[in-house]
Every structure is written in C-alpha cells, then in structure tokens.
Protein backbone atom coordinates (compact mmCIF):
# COMPACT_ATOMS: atom_id res chain seq x y z
CA MET A 1 -35.01 -11.77 53.20
CA ALA A 2 -35.36 -10.24 56.65
CA LYS A 3 -38.45 -8.47 57.53
CA THR A 4 -37.87 -5.04 57.60
CA LYS A 5 -39.42 -3.21 60.48
CA ILE A 6 -40.88 0.17 59.24
CA ILE A 7 -41.35 1.61 56.38
CA LEU A 8 -41.67 5.42 56.84
CA LEU A 9 -43.96 7.06 54.25
CA GLY A 10 -42.66 10.83 53.45
CA GLU A 11 -45.87 11.72 51.40
CA LYS A 12 -49.44 12.24 52.54
CA LEU A 13 -50.75 11.22 49.31
CA PHE A 14 -49.53 7.56 48.44
CA ASP A 15 -50.85 5.40 45.88
CA LEU A 16 -52.79 2.06 47.26
CA GLU A 17 -51.17 -0.25 44.81
CA ALA A 18 -47.61 1.13 46.15
CA LYS A 19 -48.45 0.42 49.70
CA GLU A 20 -49.51 -2.91 48.92
CA ILE A 21 -46.01 -3.69 46.94
CA LEU A 22 -44.64 -2.34 50.29
CA ALA A 23 -46.56 -4.19 52.57
CA PRO A 24 -44.92 -8.12 52.66
CA TYR A 25 -41.48 -6.30 53.92
CA GLY A 26 -42.95 -4.55 56.83
CA GLU A 27 -44.82 -2.18 58.91
CA VAL A 28 -45.96 1.17 56.63
CA ILE A 29 -46.72 3.85 58.56
CA ASP A 30 -48.40 6.70 56.75
CA PHE A 31 -47.60 10.33 56.92
CA GLU A 32 -50.03 12.22 58.33
CA ASN A 33 -48.15 15.34 59.00
CA GLU A 34 -44.78 16.28 59.47
CA ASN A 35 -44.79 16.16 63.46
CA ASN A 36 -45.98 12.57 63.00
CA PHE A 37 -43.21 11.84 60.10
CA LYS A 38 -40.51 13.19 62.87
CA GLN A 39 -42.04 10.98 65.23
CA HIS A 40 -41.97 8.02 63.15
CA LEU A 41 -38.62 8.57 62.18
CA PRO A 42 -35.96 7.23 64.74
CA LEU A 43 -37.71 3.62 64.13
CA ALA A 44 -37.62 3.66 60.45
CA ASP A 45 -35.41 1.44 58.90
CA VAL A 46 -36.45 2.83 55.05
CA VAL A 47 -38.25 5.94 54.23
CA ILE A 48 -40.06 6.62 50.82
CA THR A 49 -40.62 10.58 49.98
CA ALA A 50 -40.46 12.99 47.02
CA LEU A 51 -39.85 16.76 48.00
CA SER A 52 -42.33 16.93 51.22
CA ILE A 53 -39.44 16.25 53.50
CA ASN A 54 -35.79 18.20 53.19
CA PHE A 55 -33.27 15.69 54.65
CA ASP A 56 -30.58 17.31 56.11
CA LYS A 57 -28.16 16.81 58.79
CA SER A 58 -30.01 17.40 61.34
CA LEU A 59 -33.02 15.50 60.57
CA LEU A 60 -30.83 12.14 59.48
CA ALA A 61 -29.59 12.87 62.84
CA ARG A 62 -32.99 11.86 64.03
CA ALA A 63 -33.25 8.73 62.10
CA GLN A 64 -30.48 6.37 63.65
CA ARG A 65 -31.98 3.12 62.32
CA LEU A 66 -32.59 4.11 58.57
CA ARG A 67 -30.63 2.75 56.22
CA LEU A 68 -32.85 3.10 52.91
CA ILE A 69 -34.10 6.37 51.39
CA GLY A 70 -36.60 5.67 47.76
CA SER A 71 -36.99 8.83 46.19
CA ARG A 72 -39.61 9.53 43.72
CA THR A 73 -37.60 12.00 41.80
CA THR A 74 -34.96 12.45 39.42
CA GLN A 75 -32.83 14.92 41.46
CA LEU A 76 -32.14 14.94 44.81
CA ARG A 77 -31.13 18.16 45.96
CA TYR A 78 -33.19 18.09 48.96
CA ILE A 79 -31.20 15.25 50.61
CA ASP A 80 -27.91 15.81 52.05
CA LEU A 81 -26.34 12.82 49.83
CA ASP A 82 -22.54 13.10 51.93
CA GLU A 83 -24.29 12.83 55.26
CA CYS A 84 -26.12 9.64 53.80
CA LYS A 85 -22.73 8.27 52.48
CA ARG A 86 -21.27 8.73 55.98
CA ARG A 87 -24.16 7.52 57.78
CA ASN A 88 -24.48 4.24 55.37
CA ILE A 89 -27.68 5.26 54.07
CA GLN A 90 -28.35 4.10 50.64
CA VAL A 91 -30.35 6.54 48.55
CA ILE A 92 -32.38 5.40 45.34
CA ASN A 93 -34.04 7.55 42.80
CA ILE A 94 -35.89 7.69 39.67
CA LYS A 95 -32.90 7.90 37.13
CA GLY A 96 -33.43 10.02 34.05
CA GLY A 97 -33.32 7.51 31.42
CA SER A 98 -35.87 5.22 33.25
CA PRO A 99 -38.49 3.65 31.40
CA VAL A 100 -41.64 5.31 33.66
CA LEU A 101 -40.39 8.30 32.41
CA GLU A 102 -41.93 7.83 29.11
CA MET A 103 -45.28 7.34 30.89
CA ILE A 104 -45.55 11.19 32.31
CA PRO A 105 -46.34 14.22 30.17
CA SER A 106 -47.46 15.72 33.05
CA THR A 107 -44.74 18.36 32.94
CA ALA A 108 -44.61 18.84 29.37
CA GLU A 109 -48.42 19.56 29.55
CA GLU A 110 -48.11 22.07 32.60
CA ALA A 111 -45.87 23.77 29.96
CA MET A 112 -48.60 23.93 27.31
CA GLY A 113 -50.66 25.35 30.66
CA LEU A 114 -48.03 28.01 31.38
CA ILE A 115 -48.31 29.09 27.95
CA PHE A 116 -51.69 29.51 27.60
CA ALA A 117 -51.95 31.35 30.80
CA VAL A 118 -49.34 34.01 30.36
CA THR A 119 -50.25 34.82 26.58
CA ARG A 120 -54.29 34.59 26.79
CA LYS A 121 -53.88 36.52 30.77
CA PHE A 122 -55.92 33.97 31.97
CA VAL A 123 -54.52 34.57 35.63
CA PRO A 124 -55.55 38.49 35.99
CA ALA A 125 -59.00 37.78 33.35
CA PHE A 126 -60.12 35.56 36.83
CA ASP A 127 -58.78 37.81 39.25
CA SER A 128 -60.87 40.76 37.34
CA ILE A 129 -64.15 38.67 37.75
CA LYS A 130 -63.39 37.68 41.33
CA GLN A 131 -63.27 41.68 41.80
CA GLY A 132 -66.71 41.81 40.23
CA LYS A 133 -65.71 43.05 36.80
CA TRP A 134 -66.26 41.87 33.34
CA GLU A 135 -63.38 43.34 31.64
CA ARG A 136 -62.44 41.61 27.83
CA LEU A 137 -60.39 44.27 26.14
CA GLU A 138 -58.33 44.85 28.80
CA HIS A 139 -57.18 40.85 28.90
CA CYS A 140 -56.55 40.54 25.32
CA GLY A 141 -54.33 37.88 24.42
CA THR A 142 -52.29 36.55 21.97
CA GLU A 143 -52.44 33.53 19.37
CA LEU A 144 -50.41 30.31 19.63
CA TYR A 145 -50.95 30.47 15.53
CA GLY A 146 -47.92 30.65 13.56
CA LYS A 147 -45.86 31.98 16.08
CA THR A 148 -42.09 30.73 16.99
CA VAL A 149 -42.03 28.71 20.06
CA GLY A 150 -37.93 28.13 20.73
CA LEU A 151 -37.15 25.50 23.19
CA ILE A 152 -33.84 25.30 25.46
CA GLY A 153 -33.67 21.57 25.82
CA PHE A 154 -34.59 18.73 23.51
CA GLY A 155 -34.67 15.69 25.50
CA ARG A 156 -38.23 13.69 26.64
CA LEU A 157 -40.14 16.30 27.62
CA GLY A 158 -38.71 19.06 24.80
CA LYS A 159 -40.05 16.49 22.40
CA LYS A 160 -43.41 16.34 23.77
CA VAL A 161 -43.60 20.08 24.26
CA ALA A 162 -42.19 20.26 20.39
CA HIS A 163 -45.27 17.92 19.62
CA TYR A 164 -48.34 20.00 21.33
CA CYS A 165 -46.99 22.81 19.70
CA GLN A 166 -46.92 22.22 16.56
CA ALA A 167 -50.55 20.68 17.28
CA PHE A 168 -51.09 24.29 17.28
CA SER A 169 -49.51 25.41 14.00
CA THR A 170 -46.33 26.82 15.30
CA LYS A 171 -42.89 26.95 13.87
CA VAL A 172 -40.41 24.97 16.11
CA ILE A 173 -36.96 25.28 16.90
CA ALA A 174 -34.81 24.19 19.80
CA TYR A 175 -31.20 24.55 21.30
CA ASP A 176 -29.67 21.37 23.02
CA PRO A 177 -25.74 20.90 22.02
CA PHE A 178 -26.55 16.86 22.85
CA VAL A 179 -29.37 16.29 20.45
CA ASP A 180 -28.19 16.56 16.63
CA ASN A 181 -29.42 18.14 13.53
CA GLN A 182 -31.15 15.05 12.27
CA GLN A 183 -32.99 13.89 15.35
CA MET A 184 -34.60 17.22 15.39
CA ARG A 185 -35.56 17.56 11.53
CA ASP A 186 -36.88 14.07 12.29
CA LEU A 187 -39.75 15.83 14.46
CA LYS A 188 -40.09 18.64 12.24
CA VAL A 189 -37.66 20.84 14.66
CA ARG A 190 -34.67 23.38 13.80
CA LYS A 191 -31.44 23.17 15.56
CA VAL A 192 -30.01 26.77 16.25
CA SER A 193 -27.74 28.32 19.03
CA LEU A 194 -29.37 29.69 22.01
CA ASP A 195 -28.65 33.10 21.11
CA TYR A 196 -30.63 32.67 17.60
CA LEU A 197 -33.32 31.40 19.42
CA LEU A 198 -33.80 34.07 21.82
CA GLU A 199 -33.54 36.99 19.26
CA ASN A 200 -36.41 35.10 17.30
CA ALA A 201 -38.43 32.82 19.29
CA ASP A 202 -42.05 34.23 20.34
CA ILE A 203 -42.27 32.14 23.35
CA VAL A 204 -39.03 30.39 24.39
CA SER A 205 -39.51 27.08 27.15
CA VAL A 206 -36.89 25.69 28.94
CA HIS A 207 -36.71 22.17 29.36
CA ALA A 208 -32.97 21.73 30.53
CA THR A 209 -31.79 19.54 32.74
CA PHE A 210 -30.03 21.45 35.93
CA ASP A 211 -26.29 20.48 36.67
CA GLU A 212 -23.12 22.69 36.58
CA SER A 213 -23.03 23.45 32.86
CA THR A 214 -26.83 24.69 33.25
CA TYR A 215 -26.18 26.85 36.24
CA HIS A 216 -27.51 30.41 35.23
CA LEU A 217 -27.54 29.32 31.38
CA LEU A 218 -29.77 32.54 31.09
CA GLN A 219 -28.49 35.25 32.53
CA GLU A 220 -29.36 39.18 31.83
CA ARG A 221 -27.93 39.61 28.39
CA HIS A 222 -29.90 36.66 27.21
CA PHE A 223 -33.42 38.25 28.20
CA ARG A 224 -31.88 41.57 26.54
CA ILE A 225 -32.18 40.20 23.51
CA MET A 226 -35.53 38.87 23.40
CA LYS A 227 -38.43 40.00 21.44
CA LYS A 228 -40.19 42.84 23.58
CA ASN A 229 -43.22 40.63 22.83
CA ALA A 230 -41.88 37.66 23.71
CA TYR A 231 -42.82 35.47 26.87
CA PHE A 232 -40.54 33.24 28.76
CA ILE A 233 -41.72 29.94 30.45
CA ASN A 234 -39.37 27.25 32.88
CA THR A 235 -41.04 24.20 34.05
CA ALA A 236 -37.18 22.84 34.66
CA ARG A 237 -34.95 24.45 37.74
CA GLY A 238 -34.96 27.61 39.08
CA GLU A 239 -31.03 27.84 39.09
CA ILE A 240 -31.05 27.26 35.15
CA THR A 241 -31.99 30.82 35.36
CA ASP A 242 -30.53 34.08 36.79
CA GLU A 243 -33.58 35.33 38.77
CA ARG A 244 -32.17 38.98 38.74
CA GLY A 245 -31.80 38.89 34.69
CA LEU A 246 -35.67 37.39 34.36
CA LEU A 247 -36.48 40.21 36.88
CA LYS A 248 -34.97 43.06 35.20
CA ALA A 249 -36.44 41.92 31.94
CA LEU A 250 -39.66 41.84 33.47
CA VAL A 251 -39.18 45.49 35.31
CA GLU A 252 -37.43 47.10 32.09
CA GLY A 253 -40.30 45.66 29.42
CA TRP A 254 -37.69 43.58 27.87
CA ILE A 255 -40.15 40.66 27.60
CA ALA A 256 -43.88 40.70 27.68
CA GLY A 257 -44.64 38.44 30.31
CA ALA A 258 -43.17 35.40 32.26
CA ALA A 259 -44.66 31.82 34.01
CA VAL A 260 -42.40 29.95 35.64
CA ASP A 261 -43.00 26.31 38.12
CA THR A 262 -39.53 26.59 39.95
CA LEU A 263 -37.53 29.08 41.89
CA ALA A 264 -33.98 29.17 42.86
CA ASN A 265 -32.96 27.56 46.33
CA GLU A 266 -36.73 25.79 47.14
CA SER A 267 -37.51 24.38 50.33
CA PRO A 268 -40.29 22.06 50.98
CA ASP A 269 -41.32 24.74 53.85
CA GLY A 270 -41.56 27.57 51.16
CA ARG A 271 -39.18 29.42 53.20
CA HIS A 272 -37.35 30.57 49.43
CA LEU A 273 -40.54 32.90 48.76
CA GLU A 274 -39.42 35.57 51.81
CA ASP A 275 -38.67 38.72 50.39
CA ASN A 276 -38.16 36.98 47.01
CA PRO A 277 -37.92 39.94 44.26
CA LEU A 278 -39.65 37.47 41.92
CA ILE A 279 -42.50 37.38 44.38
CA GLU A 280 -42.94 40.69 45.02
CA TYR A 281 -42.79 41.22 41.28
CA ALA A 282 -45.87 38.95 40.78
CA ASN A 283 -47.43 40.20 43.68
CA GLN A 284 -47.72 43.96 42.03
CA HIS A 285 -47.89 42.87 38.13
CA ASP A 286 -50.32 40.59 36.14
CA ASN A 287 -47.29 39.14 33.37
CA LEU A 288 -45.53 37.19 35.81
CA PHE A 289 -47.24 33.53 36.42
CA ILE A 290 -45.19 31.66 39.38
CA VAL A 291 -46.99 28.05 40.75
CA PRO A 292 -45.04 25.99 43.20
CA HIS A 293 -43.38 23.30 41.57
CA LEU A 294 -46.73 21.54 39.94
CA GLY A 295 -44.54 20.09 37.04
CA GLY A 296 -45.04 16.15 38.21
CA THR A 297 -47.81 17.13 40.47
CA THR A 298 -50.80 15.13 39.09
CA LYS A 299 -52.63 11.62 39.85
CA GLU A 300 -51.10 9.78 37.39
CA ALA A 301 -47.72 11.09 37.58
CA ILE A 302 -47.49 10.32 41.90
CA LYS A 303 -49.04 6.95 41.01
CA ASN A 304 -46.64 5.78 38.51
CA THR A 305 -43.61 6.96 40.08
CA GLN A 306 -44.65 5.56 43.96
CA VAL A 307 -45.17 2.32 42.45
CA TYR A 308 -42.21 2.90 40.31
CA ILE A 309 -40.07 3.61 43.24
CA SER A 310 -42.01 0.77 45.32
CA LYS A 311 -40.66 -1.98 43.18
CA LEU A 312 -37.22 -0.48 43.29
CA VAL A 313 -37.22 -0.48 47.28
CA THR A 314 -38.69 -3.83 47.77
CA LYS A 315 -35.68 -5.27 44.52
CA GLU A 316 -33.01 -3.60 47.73
CA LEU A 317 -34.76 -5.33 50.40
CA GLU A 318 -34.79 -8.46 49.02
CA ARG A 319 -30.91 -8.35 49.19
CA VAL A 320 -30.86 -7.96 53.02
C-alpha cells in the first residue's frame, strides 16, 4: 500500500475514531472553515465529506491531485459526478442497503419530532413566550391518539415511523408500490393507494426515496384532496413535493399545516432560501415549520456514518 499524502476532511465535526481509522494512510487535515478547506484542496489526494461542500466543476478544478471522494451520504446531488468521471475521481458513498443505516433511526425520530412540533404548535407557543406572553388556548393542539397516519414510502424509515406512531395508538396506512400487502400486514399497517392515503390520513409523512419516478410525486391536486385538518410532514427530499402546490395548500387552507426538513434545490451555503416563497410564508404564519435538513444530524448518526465511510475509504486505499 502506497501511503496517501493528504486526506482532507470536508466536515467541521469529525469523529476521533474515524480519524484514527484514516491516520495510518496519510496526513489527515481537519476542516476548520470553507476557506481553509479550499486552501488545502489542491494538495488533497482524498476528501471525506457530507453535505457541507458543493463539489461543482469549478471547485473540482482546484483539486488537481484528487483521486477519491468518500461521502457519508446516500445521495450525491452535491457532487458533479460527470466531472468526477471525466477526471477519473472515484466517488464512494453509503448505499441504501448498507448495514450502518439500520443503526441510524435519526430521521425517523425527527419525523416524530416534526409531527409533535406542528400538531401541538410548540414553535409558535415558544415564540409567544419569548415575547413575554403566557398563551395557552391560543396554541391549542391536537392529539395523535386515534388518528390515522399515512406514510408515503414504506422502506427502512417508513417502517420505523410506523412503529413509533403505533406506540401512540394511531392507525397506520401506507403507500409504496414496491412493498407487498403481506409485509405491511405483518407490521399492522394497511396498504392503500396514494389518493386514498391523502383523502383519509390526519397526518401524511413522506419517506420515499427520491429519483425520477418520485420527482413531484405530490402535486397541487394531491394537497387539494387532503383533509382540511391534516398535517403534512416531509423528511425525505424537497423535490418529491411540488412546493408551489404545498404553498397553495397552506395559503388556501386545504390543510392545517406542514413541517419540512428539506427544500428543493438545496445548496450547502443556503442560497436556495433567497426569495423562497415557503420561507416567506413561514415568516408570516405559524402553521409551517421548516428546519435545515437535520434528519441525519445527530451525534450518533454522524459518528456511525463517518466511521463507516472511513473504513470504506481505507479499503480502497489498500488497493493502491
């Protein structure tokens, strides 16, 4: 094995155990800030990153020695894969069926947190406290008990959310064309069509994988048929939702509220927030709750995925 000269980290928080895995293979340089990262990038042979850096063509042009990018994410939308292929830069990431993902319930737990935040109106209630107000009935929420939760997507995360919701005595229905009736029945979940789910669920939570088939899976007409007292939760990808349709549903009162962890066309620097109608709406109303893609942002998830991707990177370096 030829010792790699520089392994550049693309995240400010990087677990010590993961660094120790990488250390025998070269000099590991920490991520202090983006400017420091870009300063060291021309010398880097390997970069390990997540969502903090947008590896577009212009940034990759600075990385003349780069031969390997390890990403602790399942999707790679922030990396110009065509340019990497042209430059013969290998890109490895965490595949959807990787065992490490079974150890990470963070996005499913976040979905539950968003459900409670929007249905119990915790955010506007706390905002009123910060204004010196003690308002109770003004922030009267709704219980989960006896409600119907509709899950769009019934893979790893959908199954976890179903389990969590059932602990609160909810009924769970799900739409997923790739999961058969028996699998759902085994978990006490009823398989239904997308329209049936939207028409009957009190809470709709999205857990579908994003690809060409799920782009704008939920459009204006889908929000129109939801219950007026229903809440919409999205911890998957912003592009699965036609955000104009979601905005109209909120403006017109077709649904009671929404909480989303992700917006369409996300950029690590937050530029997608500029002139975003959903952000503008959230600034003026208390029934839309937006957080900055926090699904996998827990100490445990970061550690587990960094250790896992570091092991994958060192396996590739062993071959050099």
